[in-house]
Amino acid sequence: MLEALKTEEDDATKAIIARELPKLPATAESTAAFKAAYESLPLDAQIPPGVPALDSLTEAAGQFFDPSMIDWLLERAEKTKGDASDKKALQQAVLITVTKLAKPDQLATVKRAAQKYGSDLEKGLVASAESLLKACGDRAACYVEALQKPENQDRKNQFVGIKAGYMAAIFGNEQTRDEIVSRLDSIENAAVRFVAAQAIDRLSPKGAKTAVERLNAIIEKNAKSPDRDKALGDAPLKQVMYRLQARSG
């Protein structure tokens, strides 16, 4: 995939390949390749079906779960040239991603960016993230609790659950992964469940046979449920299970 990205000249294809890189265990090489592809794309580049490529890659950048990317993303928000309305959309997308990634000691940087780029919506998300960061600090277990709290499954509070998933992945370890797996039945919001699946993936760079077995049991149980939303909500979980299975050998 990295070699294909180096030689690809079509903007849309390049963006699609780069978008897949965060699904691999992160390395310095894959991160550098992602950044190089991102910086090579013009602001008006699109991927099917007409989605702004840089907006899509900005969201995908969060799936590296790497807070050190914050300064680079904010630099791209400032330096990327193009149509004013497109640039504003990119800046707001960057702000959302860096808010997801920010650790407590990066909060001031994100708050400054919110004042510069954010609408009331983004500023509200930053405020929600700040409250969670102050409550949990660097404690992965605290973020796992927030990830599965009933109130954070509500759409109006879901960003707290999403942020908690990012922080659990950033501060966590294999034990954290197993805790997330054990709480999946409590994570009903589709967006929060998606991030929980990504956190499990991030915390399993070498695979995890036990986690695969437990994920498979959850997926099979939900497939038999009369509530079809349960099975539909497991689509990203199934993809993660297959990736963990492949890594486990």
Foldseek 3Di string as FASTA:
>chain_A
DLVCLVPDDQLQVNLVVLLCLLLAQDDPSNVVSSLVSLVVDALCDAYPPGHRSNLSSLQSVLLVLDLVCLVVLCVCLVPHDDDPVSSLSSLLSSLLSNLLNDAQVCLVVSCVSCVVRNDPVSNVLSVLSNVQNVVQHLPLVSLLCQLLDLVCLDPVNVSSNSSSLSSNLNNHAVVSLVSLLVRLVSNLRLNSSLSNLSSNLNRQNQADVVSLVSLVVQLVVQVPDPPVSSNVSCVSNVVSSVVSVVSPD
